[in-house]
Protein backbone atom coordinates (compact mmCIF):
# COMPACT_ATOMS: atom_id res chain seq x y z
CA UNK A 1 0.00 0.00 0.00
CA UNK A 2 1.23 3.50 -0.80
CA UNK A 3 0.04 6.93 0.35
CA UNK A 4 1.19 10.26 -1.06
CA UNK A 5 0.18 13.70 0.17
CA UNK A 6 0.71 15.62 -3.05
CA UNK A 7 4.39 14.99 -3.84
CA UNK A 8 5.26 14.03 -0.24
CA UNK A 9 5.34 10.31 0.51
CA UNK A 10 3.53 9.19 3.67
CA UNK A 11 3.97 5.43 3.14
CA UNK A 12 5.52 3.67 0.18
CA UNK A 13 5.00 0.04 -0.78
CA UNK A 14 4.02 -0.99 2.75
CA UNK A 15 3.54 -4.76 2.81
CA UNK A 16 2.68 -6.66 5.99
CA UNK A 17 1.07 -9.90 7.08
CA UNK A 18 -0.04 -10.32 10.70
CA UNK A 19 -1.52 -13.68 11.63
CA UNK A 20 -4.66 -13.97 13.74
CA UNK A 21 -3.75 -13.75 17.44
CA UNK A 22 -0.30 -12.35 16.69
CA UNK A 23 0.97 -9.23 18.45
CA UNK A 24 2.76 -6.83 16.13
CA UNK A 25 4.69 -3.71 17.06
CA UNK A 26 5.06 -0.94 14.49
CA UNK A 27 8.06 1.08 15.74
CA UNK A 28 9.82 3.87 13.94
CA UNK A 29 11.02 7.44 14.24
CA UNK A 30 8.82 10.49 13.71
CA UNK A 31 7.84 10.77 10.06
CA UNK A 32 8.26 7.04 9.35
CA UNK A 33 4.59 6.61 8.39
CA UNK A 34 3.20 4.89 11.51
CA UNK A 35 0.18 7.15 11.90
CA UNK A 36 -0.45 7.18 8.16
CA UNK A 37 -0.46 3.37 8.11
CA UNK A 38 -2.98 3.08 10.95
CA UNK A 39 -5.18 5.79 9.42
CA UNK A 40 -5.08 3.83 6.14
CA UNK A 41 -6.09 0.60 7.90
CA UNK A 42 -9.01 2.39 9.55
CA UNK A 43 -9.97 4.03 6.22
CA UNK A 44 -9.67 7.50 7.72
CA UNK A 45 -7.57 8.31 4.65
CA UNK A 46 -7.43 6.53 1.30
CA UNK A 47 -4.40 4.82 -0.21
CA UNK A 48 -2.89 6.37 -3.32
CA UNK A 49 -2.15 2.85 -4.57
CA UNK A 50 -2.75 -0.64 -3.28
CA UNK A 51 -5.18 -2.11 -0.79
CA UNK A 52 -5.26 -3.95 2.51
CA UNK A 53 -7.35 -6.54 4.27
CA UNK A 54 -7.90 -7.29 7.91
CA UNK A 55 -9.16 -10.82 8.66
CA UNK A 56 -11.30 -11.27 5.55
CA UNK A 57 -12.34 -7.63 5.23
CA UNK A 58 -11.25 -4.98 2.75
CA UNK A 59 -10.20 -1.76 4.49
CA UNK A 60 -12.24 0.40 2.10
CA UNK A 61 -15.32 -1.71 1.35
CA UNK A 62 -15.71 -2.98 4.92
CA UNK A 63 -14.43 0.08 6.78
CA UNK A 64 -17.49 0.47 9.03
CA UNK A 65 -17.25 -3.16 10.17
CA UNK A 66 -13.53 -2.78 10.79
CA UNK A 67 -14.03 0.42 12.80
CA UNK A 68 -16.66 -1.27 14.98
CA UNK A 69 -14.02 -3.68 16.26
CA UNK A 70 -11.04 -1.31 16.22
CA UNK A 71 -9.66 1.15 18.72
CA UNK A 72 -7.15 3.90 18.06
CA UNK A 73 -5.24 5.63 20.82
CA UNK A 74 -3.12 8.61 19.82
CA UNK A 75 -0.14 9.85 21.80
CA UNK A 76 -1.98 13.01 22.81
CA UNK A 77 -4.98 11.41 24.52
CA UNK A 78 -6.13 13.35 27.58
CA UNK A 79 -9.86 12.82 27.95
CA UNK A 80 -11.97 13.59 31.02
CA UNK A 81 -9.17 14.55 33.47
CA UNK A 82 -11.60 14.63 36.44
CA UNK A 83 -13.02 11.17 35.75
CA UNK A 84 -11.83 8.26 37.90
CA UNK A 85 -9.78 5.82 35.80
CA UNK A 86 -11.98 2.80 36.60
CA UNK A 87 -15.11 4.79 35.76
CA UNK A 88 -13.61 5.73 32.41
CA UNK A 89 -13.03 2.08 31.57
CA UNK A 90 -16.65 1.23 32.48
CA UNK A 91 -17.90 4.30 30.56
CA UNK A 92 -16.14 3.16 27.38
CA UNK A 93 -17.80 -0.25 27.68
CA UNK A 94 -21.24 1.38 27.94
CA UNK A 95 -20.59 3.80 25.06
CA UNK A 96 -19.38 0.90 22.91
CA UNK A 97 -22.50 -1.05 23.93
CA UNK A 98 -20.28 -4.06 24.58
CA UNK A 99 -19.96 -6.51 27.42
CA UNK A 100 -16.48 -5.83 28.83
CA UNK A 101 -13.75 -8.44 29.13
CA UNK A 102 -12.86 -9.19 32.74
CA UNK A 103 -10.93 -6.11 33.84
CA UNK A 104 -8.79 -8.01 36.38
CA UNK A 105 -7.01 -9.93 33.62
CA UNK A 106 -6.17 -6.69 31.85
CA UNK A 107 -4.95 -5.12 35.10
CA UNK A 108 -2.50 -8.00 35.48
CA UNK A 109 -1.08 -7.08 32.06
CA UNK A 110 -1.27 -3.31 32.56
CA UNK A 111 -1.15 -2.55 36.32
CA UNK A 112 -2.62 0.85 37.19
CA UNK A 113 -4.56 2.38 40.08
CA UNK A 114 -8.15 2.66 38.84
CA UNK A 115 -9.27 4.73 41.85
CA UNK A 116 -7.33 7.85 40.77
CA UNK A 117 -8.51 10.67 38.50
CA UNK A 118 -7.21 10.46 34.94
CA UNK A 119 -5.73 13.94 35.28
CA UNK A 120 -3.66 12.81 38.28
CA UNK A 121 -2.09 9.83 36.50
CA UNK A 122 1.28 9.87 34.79
CA UNK A 123 1.31 9.80 30.99
CA UNK A 124 2.24 6.11 31.04
CA UNK A 125 -0.53 5.19 33.46
CA UNK A 126 -3.09 7.16 31.44
CA UNK A 127 -2.10 5.09 28.44
CA UNK A 128 -2.57 1.91 30.43
CA UNK A 129 -6.11 2.99 31.30
CA UNK A 130 -6.86 3.75 27.63
CA UNK A 131 -5.41 0.38 26.60
CA UNK A 132 -7.52 -1.44 29.20
CA UNK A 133 -10.64 0.42 28.09
CA UNK A 134 -9.93 -0.27 24.43
CA UNK A 135 -9.17 -3.94 24.92
CA UNK A 136 -12.38 -4.46 26.87
CA UNK A 137 -14.52 -3.82 23.81
CA UNK A 138 -12.35 -4.06 20.72
CA UNK A 139 -10.79 -6.81 18.68
CA UNK A 140 -8.01 -4.60 17.36
CA UNK A 141 -6.25 -1.87 19.25
CA UNK A 142 -3.79 0.54 17.66
CA UNK A 143 -1.73 2.80 19.87
CA UNK A 144 0.38 5.30 18.05
CA UNK A 145 3.59 6.61 19.50
CA UNK A 146 6.00 3.92 18.45
CA UNK A 147 4.46 1.48 20.91
CA UNK A 148 1.61 -0.94 20.34
CA UNK A 149 -0.52 -2.65 17.75
CA UNK A 150 -2.53 -5.60 19.06
CA UNK A 151 -4.79 -8.01 17.27
CA UNK A 152 -6.81 -10.35 19.46
C-alpha atoms as a PDB file:
ATOM      1  CA  UNK A   1       0.000   0.000   0.000  1.00  0.00           C
ATOM      2  CA  UNK A   2       1.232   3.499  -0.797  1.00  0.00           C
ATOM      3  CA  UNK A   3       0.038   6.927   0.347  1.00  0.00           C
ATOM      4  CA  UNK A   4       1.188  10.260  -1.059  1.00  0.00           C
ATOM      5  CA  UNK A   5       0.181  13.704   0.167  1.00  0.00           C
ATOM      6  CA  UNK A   6       0.713  15.622  -3.051  1.00  0.00           C
ATOM      7  CA  UNK A   7       4.390  14.989  -3.837  1.00  0.00           C
ATOM      8  CA  UNK A   8       5.263  14.025  -0.243  1.00  0.00           C
ATOM      9  CA  UNK A   9       5.340  10.305   0.509  1.00  0.00           C
ATOM     10  CA  UNK A  10       3.529   9.186   3.666  1.00  0.00           C
ATOM     11  CA  UNK A  11       3.972   5.429   3.144  1.00  0.00           C
ATOM     12  CA  UNK A  12       5.515   3.675   0.176  1.00  0.00           C
ATOM     13  CA  UNK A  13       4.998   0.037  -0.780  1.00  0.00           C
ATOM     14  CA  UNK A  14       4.018  -0.993   2.749  1.00  0.00           C
ATOM     15  CA  UNK A  15       3.541  -4.763   2.806  1.00  0.00           C
ATOM     16  CA  UNK A  16       2.680  -6.658   5.994  1.00  0.00           C
ATOM     17  CA  UNK A  17       1.074  -9.903   7.078  1.00  0.00           C
ATOM     18  CA  UNK A  18      -0.043 -10.317  10.696  1.00  0.00           C
ATOM     19  CA  UNK A  19      -1.521 -13.679  11.626  1.00  0.00           C
ATOM     20  CA  UNK A  20      -4.663 -13.973  13.744  1.00  0.00           C
ATOM     21  CA  UNK A  21      -3.748 -13.746  17.439  1.00  0.00           C
ATOM     22  CA  UNK A  22      -0.304 -12.349  16.695  1.00  0.00           C
ATOM     23  CA  UNK A  23       0.969  -9.234  18.450  1.00  0.00           C
ATOM     24  CA  UNK A  24       2.757  -6.835  16.134  1.00  0.00           C
ATOM     25  CA  UNK A  25       4.692  -3.706  17.064  1.00  0.00           C
ATOM     26  CA  UNK A  26       5.064  -0.944  14.487  1.00  0.00           C
ATOM     27  CA  UNK A  27       8.062   1.081  15.736  1.00  0.00           C
ATOM     28  CA  UNK A  28       9.821   3.868  13.940  1.00  0.00           C
ATOM     29  CA  UNK A  29      11.019   7.443  14.242  1.00  0.00           C
ATOM     30  CA  UNK A  30       8.815  10.486  13.705  1.00  0.00           C
ATOM     31  CA  UNK A  31       7.844  10.768  10.061  1.00  0.00           C
ATOM     32  CA  UNK A  32       8.263   7.036   9.346  1.00  0.00           C
ATOM     33  CA  UNK A  33       4.585   6.614   8.390  1.00  0.00           C
ATOM     34  CA  UNK A  34       3.204   4.886  11.506  1.00  0.00           C
ATOM     35  CA  UNK A  35       0.182   7.147  11.903  1.00  0.00           C
ATOM     36  CA  UNK A  36      -0.455   7.181   8.161  1.00  0.00           C
ATOM     37  CA  UNK A  37      -0.455   3.372   8.113  1.00  0.00           C
ATOM     38  CA  UNK A  38      -2.981   3.084  10.946  1.00  0.00           C
ATOM     39  CA  UNK A  39      -5.178   5.793   9.417  1.00  0.00           C
ATOM     40  CA  UNK A  40      -5.078   3.833   6.136  1.00  0.00           C
ATOM     41  CA  UNK A  41      -6.091   0.595   7.903  1.00  0.00           C
ATOM     42  CA  UNK A  42      -9.007   2.393   9.553  1.00  0.00           C
ATOM     43  CA  UNK A  43      -9.975   4.025   6.222  1.00  0.00           C
ATOM     44  CA  UNK A  44      -9.672   7.497   7.721  1.00  0.00           C
ATOM     45  CA  UNK A  45      -7.569   8.314   4.646  1.00  0.00           C
ATOM     46  CA  UNK A  46      -7.434   6.534   1.299  1.00  0.00           C
ATOM     47  CA  UNK A  47      -4.397   4.825  -0.212  1.00  0.00           C
ATOM     48  CA  UNK A  48      -2.886   6.372  -3.319  1.00  0.00           C
ATOM     49  CA  UNK A  49      -2.147   2.852  -4.570  1.00  0.00           C
ATOM     50  CA  UNK A  50      -2.754  -0.637  -3.276  1.00  0.00           C
ATOM     51  CA  UNK A  51      -5.175  -2.108  -0.789  1.00  0.00           C
ATOM     52  CA  UNK A  52      -5.261  -3.947   2.511  1.00  0.00           C
ATOM     53  CA  UNK A  53      -7.348  -6.537   4.265  1.00  0.00           C
ATOM     54  CA  UNK A  54      -7.900  -7.292   7.912  1.00  0.00           C
ATOM     55  CA  UNK A  55      -9.163 -10.822   8.662  1.00  0.00           C
ATOM     56  CA  UNK A  56     -11.299 -11.274   5.550  1.00  0.00           C
ATOM     57  CA  UNK A  57     -12.336  -7.628   5.227  1.00  0.00           C
ATOM     58  CA  UNK A  58     -11.252  -4.982   2.748  1.00  0.00           C
ATOM     59  CA  UNK A  59     -10.201  -1.756   4.490  1.00  0.00           C
ATOM     60  CA  UNK A  60     -12.236   0.398   2.098  1.00  0.00           C
ATOM     61  CA  UNK A  61     -15.321  -1.711   1.347  1.00  0.00           C
ATOM     62  CA  UNK A  62     -15.709  -2.982   4.917  1.00  0.00           C
ATOM     63  CA  UNK A  63     -14.427   0.078   6.775  1.00  0.00           C
ATOM     64  CA  UNK A  64     -17.491   0.467   9.026  1.00  0.00           C
ATOM     65  CA  UNK A  65     -17.254  -3.155  10.173  1.00  0.00           C
ATOM     66  CA  UNK A  66     -13.525  -2.780  10.794  1.00  0.00           C
ATOM     67  CA  UNK A  67     -14.026   0.422  12.800  1.00  0.00           C
ATOM     68  CA  UNK A  68     -16.655  -1.269  14.980  1.00  0.00           C
ATOM     69  CA  UNK A  69     -14.018  -3.682  16.261  1.00  0.00           C
ATOM     70  CA  UNK A  70     -11.038  -1.310  16.223  1.00  0.00           C
ATOM     71  CA  UNK A  71      -9.661   1.147  18.719  1.00  0.00           C
ATOM     72  CA  UNK A  72      -7.152   3.897  18.056  1.00  0.00           C
ATOM     73  CA  UNK A  73      -5.236   5.630  20.819  1.00  0.00           C
ATOM     74  CA  UNK A  74      -3.123   8.606  19.825  1.00  0.00           C
ATOM     75  CA  UNK A  75      -0.135   9.848  21.796  1.00  0.00           C
ATOM     76  CA  UNK A  76      -1.979  13.014  22.815  1.00  0.00           C
ATOM     77  CA  UNK A  77      -4.982  11.410  24.516  1.00  0.00           C
ATOM     78  CA  UNK A  78      -6.128  13.347  27.583  1.00  0.00           C
ATOM     79  CA  UNK A  79      -9.862  12.815  27.948  1.00  0.00           C
ATOM     80  CA  UNK A  80     -11.965  13.595  31.016  1.00  0.00           C
ATOM     81  CA  UNK A  81      -9.174  14.553  33.466  1.00  0.00           C
ATOM     82  CA  UNK A  82     -11.597  14.630  36.441  1.00  0.00           C
ATOM     83  CA  UNK A  83     -13.024  11.167  35.751  1.00  0.00           C
ATOM     84  CA  UNK A  84     -11.831   8.262  37.898  1.00  0.00           C
ATOM     85  CA  UNK A  85      -9.779   5.822  35.800  1.00  0.00           C
ATOM     86  CA  UNK A  86     -11.980   2.800  36.603  1.00  0.00           C
ATOM     87  CA  UNK A  87     -15.112   4.794  35.762  1.00  0.00           C
ATOM     88  CA  UNK A  88     -13.607   5.728  32.405  1.00  0.00           C
ATOM     89  CA  UNK A  89     -13.029   2.083  31.570  1.00  0.00           C
ATOM     90  CA  UNK A  90     -16.650   1.227  32.483  1.00  0.00           C
ATOM     91  CA  UNK A  91     -17.900   4.298  30.559  1.00  0.00           C
ATOM     92  CA  UNK A  92     -16.144   3.162  27.379  1.00  0.00           C
ATOM     93  CA  UNK A  93     -17.800  -0.248  27.675  1.00  0.00           C
ATOM     94  CA  UNK A  94     -21.239   1.380  27.942  1.00  0.00           C
ATOM     95  CA  UNK A  95     -20.595   3.797  25.063  1.00  0.00           C
ATOM     96  CA  UNK A  96     -19.384   0.904  22.911  1.00  0.00           C
ATOM     97  CA  UNK A  97     -22.501  -1.047  23.933  1.00  0.00           C
ATOM     98  CA  UNK A  98     -20.284  -4.059  24.581  1.00  0.00           C
ATOM     99  CA  UNK A  99     -19.960  -6.510  27.419  1.00  0.00           C
ATOM    100  CA  UNK A 100     -16.481  -5.833  28.829  1.00  0.00           C
ATOM    101  CA  UNK A 101     -13.755  -8.440  29.132  1.00  0.00           C
ATOM    102  CA  UNK A 102     -12.858  -9.191  32.741  1.00  0.00           C
ATOM    103  CA  UNK A 103     -10.932  -6.109  33.839  1.00  0.00           C
ATOM    104  CA  UNK A 104      -8.788  -8.006  36.377  1.00  0.00           C
ATOM    105  CA  UNK A 105      -7.005  -9.928  33.617  1.00  0.00           C
ATOM    106  CA  UNK A 106      -6.167  -6.689  31.849  1.00  0.00           C
ATOM    107  CA  UNK A 107      -4.953  -5.123  35.097  1.00  0.00           C
ATOM    108  CA  UNK A 108      -2.496  -8.003  35.484  1.00  0.00           C
ATOM    109  CA  UNK A 109      -1.081  -7.082  32.055  1.00  0.00           C
ATOM    110  CA  UNK A 110      -1.265  -3.306  32.561  1.00  0.00           C
ATOM    111  CA  UNK A 111      -1.146  -2.545  36.315  1.00  0.00           C
ATOM    112  CA  UNK A 112      -2.615   0.853  37.190  1.00  0.00           C
ATOM    113  CA  UNK A 113      -4.565   2.379  40.076  1.00  0.00           C
ATOM    114  CA  UNK A 114      -8.147   2.659  38.840  1.00  0.00           C
ATOM    115  CA  UNK A 115      -9.269   4.729  41.852  1.00  0.00           C
ATOM    116  CA  UNK A 116      -7.329   7.852  40.767  1.00  0.00           C
ATOM    117  CA  UNK A 117      -8.506  10.667  38.498  1.00  0.00           C
ATOM    118  CA  UNK A 118      -7.211  10.460  34.939  1.00  0.00           C
ATOM    119  CA  UNK A 119      -5.732  13.941  35.278  1.00  0.00           C
ATOM    120  CA  UNK A 120      -3.664  12.809  38.285  1.00  0.00           C
ATOM    121  CA  UNK A 121      -2.089   9.826  36.501  1.00  0.00           C
ATOM    122  CA  UNK A 122       1.276   9.871  34.790  1.00  0.00           C
ATOM    123  CA  UNK A 123       1.312   9.804  30.986  1.00  0.00           C
ATOM    124  CA  UNK A 124       2.242   6.108  31.037  1.00  0.00           C
ATOM    125  CA  UNK A 125      -0.529   5.187  33.463  1.00  0.00           C
ATOM    126  CA  UNK A 126      -3.090   7.159  31.440  1.00  0.00           C
ATOM    127  CA  UNK A 127      -2.099   5.093  28.438  1.00  0.00           C
ATOM    128  CA  UNK A 128      -2.569   1.909  30.434  1.00  0.00           C
ATOM    129  CA  UNK A 129      -6.113   2.989  31.302  1.00  0.00           C
ATOM    130  CA  UNK A 130      -6.857   3.750  27.634  1.00  0.00           C
ATOM    131  CA  UNK A 131      -5.409   0.384  26.599  1.00  0.00           C
ATOM    132  CA  UNK A 132      -7.523  -1.438  29.198  1.00  0.00           C
ATOM    133  CA  UNK A 133     -10.644   0.419  28.087  1.00  0.00           C
ATOM    134  CA  UNK A 134      -9.931  -0.267  24.432  1.00  0.00           C
ATOM    135  CA  UNK A 135      -9.169  -3.937  24.925  1.00  0.00           C
ATOM    136  CA  UNK A 136     -12.379  -4.464  26.866  1.00  0.00           C
ATOM    137  CA  UNK A 137     -14.516  -3.821  23.814  1.00  0.00           C
ATOM    138  CA  UNK A 138     -12.351  -4.060  20.717  1.00  0.00           C
ATOM    139  CA  UNK A 139     -10.792  -6.811  18.681  1.00  0.00           C
ATOM    140  CA  UNK A 140      -8.005  -4.602  17.362  1.00  0.00           C
ATOM    141  CA  UNK A 141      -6.247  -1.871  19.245  1.00  0.00           C
ATOM    142  CA  UNK A 142      -3.786   0.538  17.662  1.00  0.00           C
ATOM    143  CA  UNK A 143      -1.730   2.800  19.871  1.00  0.00           C
ATOM    144  CA  UNK A 144       0.376   5.301  18.049  1.00  0.00           C
ATOM    145  CA  UNK A 145       3.591   6.607  19.504  1.00  0.00           C
ATOM    146  CA  UNK A 146       5.996   3.917  18.448  1.00  0.00           C
ATOM    147  CA  UNK A 147       4.463   1.478  20.905  1.00  0.00           C
ATOM    148  CA  UNK A 148       1.605  -0.942  20.344  1.00  0.00           C
ATOM    149  CA  UNK A 149      -0.521  -2.651  17.747  1.00  0.00           C
ATOM    150  CA  UNK A 150      -2.534  -5.597  19.055  1.00  0.00           C
ATOM    151  CA  UNK A 151      -4.795  -8.012  17.272  1.00  0.00           C
ATOM    152  CA  UNK A 152      -6.815 -10.348  19.463  1.00  0.00           C
END
